C-alpha atoms as a PDB file:
ATOM      1  CA  UNK A   1      -8.666  27.564  22.751  1.00  0.00           C
ATOM      2  CA  UNK A   2      -8.504  28.162  26.489  1.00  0.00           C
ATOM      3  CA  UNK A   3      -6.342  26.170  28.892  1.00  0.00           C
ATOM      4  CA  UNK A   4      -9.361  24.713  30.744  1.00  0.00           C
ATOM      5  CA  UNK A   5     -10.702  23.028  27.607  1.00  0.00           C
ATOM      6  CA  UNK A   6      -7.273  21.540  26.887  1.00  0.00           C
ATOM      7  CA  UNK A   7      -6.953  19.977  30.341  1.00  0.00           C
ATOM      8  CA  UNK A   8     -10.558  18.818  30.899  1.00  0.00           C
ATOM      9  CA  UNK A   9     -10.763  14.998  30.755  1.00  0.00           C
ATOM     10  CA  UNK A  10     -12.991  13.507  28.063  1.00  0.00           C
ATOM     11  CA  UNK A  11     -15.311  10.688  29.205  1.00  0.00           C
ATOM     12  CA  UNK A  12     -14.539   7.491  27.269  1.00  0.00           C
ATOM     13  CA  UNK A  13     -17.191   5.200  28.750  1.00  0.00           C
ATOM     14  CA  UNK A  14     -20.839   4.747  27.751  1.00  0.00           C
ATOM     15  CA  UNK A  15     -22.379   8.024  26.750  1.00  0.00           C
ATOM     16  CA  UNK A  16     -19.019   9.664  26.053  1.00  0.00           C
ATOM     17  CA  UNK A  17     -18.253  11.283  22.691  1.00  0.00           C
ATOM     18  CA  UNK A  18     -16.602   8.090  21.403  1.00  0.00           C
ATOM     19  CA  UNK A  19     -19.398   5.691  22.390  1.00  0.00           C
ATOM     20  CA  UNK A  20     -21.154   3.897  19.565  1.00  0.00           C
ATOM     21  CA  UNK A  21     -24.767   4.800  19.082  1.00  0.00           C
ATOM     22  CA  UNK A  22     -27.428   2.260  20.012  1.00  0.00           C
ATOM     23  CA  UNK A  23     -28.876   2.495  16.525  1.00  0.00           C
ATOM     24  CA  UNK A  24     -27.074  -0.692  15.505  1.00  0.00           C
ATOM     25  CA  UNK A  25     -23.869   0.979  14.393  1.00  0.00           C
ATOM     26  CA  UNK A  26     -21.255  -1.751  14.260  1.00  0.00           C
ATOM     27  CA  UNK A  27     -18.774  -0.337  11.770  1.00  0.00           C
ATOM     28  CA  UNK A  28     -15.845   1.775  12.793  1.00  0.00           C
ATOM     29  CA  UNK A  29     -16.405   5.472  12.015  1.00  0.00           C
ATOM     30  CA  UNK A  30     -14.782   6.759   8.837  1.00  0.00           C
ATOM     31  CA  UNK A  31     -11.508   8.624   9.164  1.00  0.00           C
ATOM     32  CA  UNK A  32     -11.935  12.395   9.171  1.00  0.00           C
ATOM     33  CA  UNK A  33     -11.422  14.067   5.817  1.00  0.00           C
ATOM     34  CA  UNK A  34      -7.799  14.816   5.112  1.00  0.00           C
ATOM     35  CA  UNK A  35      -6.544  11.907   7.221  1.00  0.00           C
ATOM     36  CA  UNK A  36      -4.648   9.026   5.677  1.00  0.00           C
ATOM     37  CA  UNK A  37      -6.292   5.600   5.895  1.00  0.00           C
ATOM     38  CA  UNK A  38      -3.965   2.625   6.251  1.00  0.00           C
ATOM     39  CA  UNK A  39      -5.149  -0.760   5.045  1.00  0.00           C
ATOM     40  CA  UNK A  40      -5.983  -3.317   7.701  1.00  0.00           C
ATOM     41  CA  UNK A  41      -3.410  -5.894   8.734  1.00  0.00           C
ATOM     42  CA  UNK A  42      -4.022  -8.991   6.645  1.00  0.00           C
ATOM     43  CA  UNK A  43      -2.535 -11.442   9.117  1.00  0.00           C
ATOM     44  CA  UNK A  44       1.032 -10.185   8.691  1.00  0.00           C
ATOM     45  CA  UNK A  45       2.940  -8.819  11.653  1.00  0.00           C
ATOM     46  CA  UNK A  46       4.000  -5.461  10.218  1.00  0.00           C
ATOM     47  CA  UNK A  47       3.549  -2.425  12.401  1.00  0.00           C
ATOM     48  CA  UNK A  48       0.930  -0.792  10.188  1.00  0.00           C
ATOM     49  CA  UNK A  49       3.026   2.374   9.975  1.00  0.00           C
ATOM     50  CA  UNK A  50       3.728   3.700   6.511  1.00  0.00           C
ATOM     51  CA  UNK A  51       7.250   4.712   7.480  1.00  0.00           C
ATOM     52  CA  UNK A  52       8.314   1.121   8.178  1.00  0.00           C
ATOM     53  CA  UNK A  53       8.677   0.049   4.548  1.00  0.00           C
ATOM     54  CA  UNK A  54      11.641  -2.215   5.289  1.00  0.00           C
ATOM     55  CA  UNK A  55       9.645  -4.370   7.719  1.00  0.00           C
ATOM     56  CA  UNK A  56       6.684  -4.384   5.344  1.00  0.00           C
ATOM     57  CA  UNK A  57       8.954  -5.418   2.448  1.00  0.00           C
ATOM     58  CA  UNK A  58      10.482  -8.256   4.495  1.00  0.00           C
ATOM     59  CA  UNK A  59       7.122  -9.623   5.556  1.00  0.00           C
ATOM     60  CA  UNK A  60       5.518  -9.466   2.114  1.00  0.00           C
ATOM     61  CA  UNK A  61       8.543 -11.030   0.451  1.00  0.00           C
ATOM     62  CA  UNK A  62       8.252 -13.911   2.933  1.00  0.00           C
ATOM     63  CA  UNK A  63       4.519 -14.139   2.136  1.00  0.00           C
ATOM     64  CA  UNK A  64       5.258 -14.158  -1.609  1.00  0.00           C
ATOM     65  CA  UNK A  65       7.743 -16.994  -1.123  1.00  0.00           C
ATOM     66  CA  UNK A  66       5.038 -18.977   0.693  1.00  0.00           C
ATOM     67  CA  UNK A  67       2.392 -18.202  -1.943  1.00  0.00           C
ATOM     68  CA  UNK A  68       1.641 -20.605  -4.795  1.00  0.00           C
ATOM     69  CA  UNK A  69       1.568 -17.589  -7.146  1.00  0.00           C
ATOM     70  CA  UNK A  70       4.836 -16.112  -5.886  1.00  0.00           C
ATOM     71  CA  UNK A  71       3.432 -12.712  -5.003  1.00  0.00           C
ATOM     72  CA  UNK A  72       1.963 -10.688  -2.167  1.00  0.00           C
ATOM     73  CA  UNK A  73       0.575  -7.149  -2.096  1.00  0.00           C
ATOM     74  CA  UNK A  74      -0.619  -4.674   0.490  1.00  0.00           C
ATOM     75  CA  UNK A  75      -2.335  -1.346  -0.183  1.00  0.00           C
ATOM     76  CA  UNK A  76      -0.964   0.919   2.479  1.00  0.00           C
ATOM     77  CA  UNK A  77      -2.447   4.234   1.378  1.00  0.00           C
ATOM     78  CA  UNK A  78      -5.838   5.027  -0.124  1.00  0.00           C
ATOM     79  CA  UNK A  79      -6.673   8.700  -0.003  1.00  0.00           C
ATOM     80  CA  UNK A  80      -9.006  10.081  -2.657  1.00  0.00           C
ATOM     81  CA  UNK A  81      -7.527   9.157  -6.051  1.00  0.00           C
ATOM     82  CA  UNK A  82      -4.076   8.375  -4.568  1.00  0.00           C
ATOM     83  CA  UNK A  83      -3.074   4.744  -3.943  1.00  0.00           C
ATOM     84  CA  UNK A  84       0.216   3.299  -2.706  1.00  0.00           C
ATOM     85  CA  UNK A  85       0.751  -0.444  -2.758  1.00  0.00           C
ATOM     86  CA  UNK A  86       3.693  -2.608  -1.759  1.00  0.00           C
ATOM     87  CA  UNK A  87       4.014  -5.543  -4.178  1.00  0.00           C
ATOM     88  CA  UNK A  88       6.362  -8.477  -3.579  1.00  0.00           C
ATOM     89  CA  UNK A  89       7.275 -10.953  -6.321  1.00  0.00           C
ATOM     90  CA  UNK A  90       9.537 -13.981  -6.266  1.00  0.00           C
ATOM     91  CA  UNK A  91      12.084 -14.447  -9.077  1.00  0.00           C
ATOM     92  CA  UNK A  92      10.276 -15.345 -12.315  1.00  0.00           C
ATOM     93  CA  UNK A  93       6.839 -14.253 -11.027  1.00  0.00           C
ATOM     94  CA  UNK A  94       4.962 -11.660 -13.022  1.00  0.00           C
ATOM     95  CA  UNK A  95       2.035  -9.306 -13.042  1.00  0.00           C
ATOM     96  CA  UNK A  96       0.509  -9.934 -16.446  1.00  0.00           C
ATOM     97  CA  UNK A  97      -0.120  -7.097 -18.860  1.00  0.00           C
ATOM     98  CA  UNK A  98      -2.773  -4.688 -17.601  1.00  0.00           C
ATOM     99  CA  UNK A  99      -4.029  -1.132 -18.237  1.00  0.00           C
ATOM    100  CA  UNK A 100      -2.211   1.864 -16.806  1.00  0.00           C
ATOM    101  CA  UNK A 101      -3.818   4.216 -14.286  1.00  0.00           C
ATOM    102  CA  UNK A 102      -4.039   7.932 -15.037  1.00  0.00           C
ATOM    103  CA  UNK A 103      -0.598   8.501 -13.496  1.00  0.00           C
ATOM    104  CA  UNK A 104       1.759   6.145 -11.676  1.00  0.00           C
ATOM    105  CA  UNK A 105       5.334   5.438 -10.663  1.00  0.00           C
ATOM    106  CA  UNK A 106       7.186   2.342  -9.561  1.00  0.00           C
ATOM    107  CA  UNK A 107       9.955   2.439  -6.954  1.00  0.00           C
ATOM    108  CA  UNK A 108      12.031  -0.706  -6.495  1.00  0.00           C
ATOM    109  CA  UNK A 109      12.678  -1.318  -2.802  1.00  0.00           C
ATOM    110  CA  UNK A 110      14.421  -4.703  -3.176  1.00  0.00           C
ATOM    111  CA  UNK A 111      15.697  -6.888  -6.007  1.00  0.00           C
ATOM    112  CA  UNK A 112      15.379  -6.360  -9.753  1.00  0.00           C
ATOM    113  CA  UNK A 113      12.334  -6.166 -12.030  1.00  0.00           C
ATOM    114  CA  UNK A 114      11.539  -5.641 -15.702  1.00  0.00           C
ATOM    115  CA  UNK A 115       8.697  -3.269 -16.522  1.00  0.00           C
ATOM    116  CA  UNK A 116       7.378  -4.456 -19.891  1.00  0.00           C
ATOM    117  CA  UNK A 117       5.467  -2.270 -22.362  1.00  0.00           C
ATOM    118  CA  UNK A 118       4.975  -2.044 -26.150  1.00  0.00           C
ATOM    119  CA  UNK A 119       7.093   1.131 -26.201  1.00  0.00           C
ATOM    120  CA  UNK A 120      10.022  -0.720 -24.607  1.00  0.00           C
ATOM    121  CA  UNK A 121      11.078  -2.573 -21.495  1.00  0.00           C
ATOM    122  CA  UNK A 122      12.920  -1.080 -18.527  1.00  0.00           C
ATOM    123  CA  UNK A 123      15.090  -3.110 -16.158  1.00  0.00           C
ATOM    124  CA  UNK A 124      15.079  -1.567 -12.704  1.00  0.00           C
ATOM    125  CA  UNK A 125      17.150  -2.343  -9.618  1.00  0.00           C
ATOM    126  CA  UNK A 126      16.811  -1.462  -5.949  1.00  0.00           C
ATOM    127  CA  UNK A 127      16.485   2.283  -5.473  1.00  0.00           C
ATOM    128  CA  UNK A 128      15.194   2.948  -8.994  1.00  0.00           C
ATOM    129  CA  UNK A 129      12.138   5.156  -9.451  1.00  0.00           C
ATOM    130  CA  UNK A 130      10.412   4.951 -12.838  1.00  0.00           C
ATOM    131  CA  UNK A 131       7.158   6.333 -14.293  1.00  0.00           C
ATOM    132  CA  UNK A 132       4.588   3.773 -15.434  1.00  0.00           C
ATOM    133  CA  UNK A 133       3.979   4.203 -19.175  1.00  0.00           C
ATOM    134  CA  UNK A 134       0.537   5.354 -20.311  1.00  0.00           C
ATOM    135  CA  UNK A 135      -0.121   2.044 -22.062  1.00  0.00           C
ATOM    136  CA  UNK A 136      -0.715  -1.590 -21.212  1.00  0.00           C
ATOM    137  CA  UNK A 137       2.245  -2.925 -19.280  1.00  0.00           C
ATOM    138  CA  UNK A 138       3.410  -5.798 -17.091  1.00  0.00           C
ATOM    139  CA  UNK A 139       6.002  -6.467 -14.419  1.00  0.00           C
ATOM    140  CA  UNK A 140       8.429  -9.406 -14.221  1.00  0.00           C
ATOM    141  CA  UNK A 141      10.660 -10.132 -11.217  1.00  0.00           C
ATOM    142  CA  UNK A 142      14.189 -10.903 -12.421  1.00  0.00           C
ATOM    143  CA  UNK A 143      15.033 -11.829  -8.815  1.00  0.00           C
ATOM    144  CA  UNK A 144      13.007 -11.731  -5.605  1.00  0.00           C
ATOM    145  CA  UNK A 145      11.756  -8.152  -5.501  1.00  0.00           C
ATOM    146  CA  UNK A 146       9.602  -5.667  -3.636  1.00  0.00           C
ATOM    147  CA  UNK A 147       8.246  -2.529  -5.300  1.00  0.00           C
ATOM    148  CA  UNK A 148       6.190   0.439  -4.188  1.00  0.00           C
ATOM    149  CA  UNK A 149       3.514   1.362  -6.712  1.00  0.00           C
ATOM    150  CA  UNK A 150       2.143   4.895  -6.431  1.00  0.00           C
ATOM    151  CA  UNK A 151      -0.921   5.492  -8.598  1.00  0.00           C
ATOM    152  CA  UNK A 152      -3.506   8.192  -9.163  1.00  0.00           C
ATOM    153  CA  UNK A 153      -6.801   6.825 -10.426  1.00  0.00           C
ATOM    154  CA  UNK A 154      -9.499   8.956 -11.977  1.00  0.00           C
END
């Protein structure tokens, strides 16, 4: 690419390459292939950056404490079959038994949880990384907790 093309200003106003077409297009254009899409802010004040998991954990734990169900979740990555979700649970709150995705892991960011499954339970503390069993399973917060679920869906 020549230097002139790199330094030429790009018009941003009407008629520029980023202008919306008059054909009634009101939705934001899709992210280019290969780019990561971050879920929209759902009224929480987090930065929206995937690398700020501590701030995201703090805010969703506060939201879980304010929730009647004692939980809050935010999908922060959705790229093809890959999903990453931050899940916050207050002590004693649970995600009832549900089916397992094709492949998944659970990383505990804060607190302690019990991953329940017919093949056996696993108690996990902050910093633990554990595969999700390929069977129905549930999650119980033994104390206020935040986990990062990474899943691949078919």
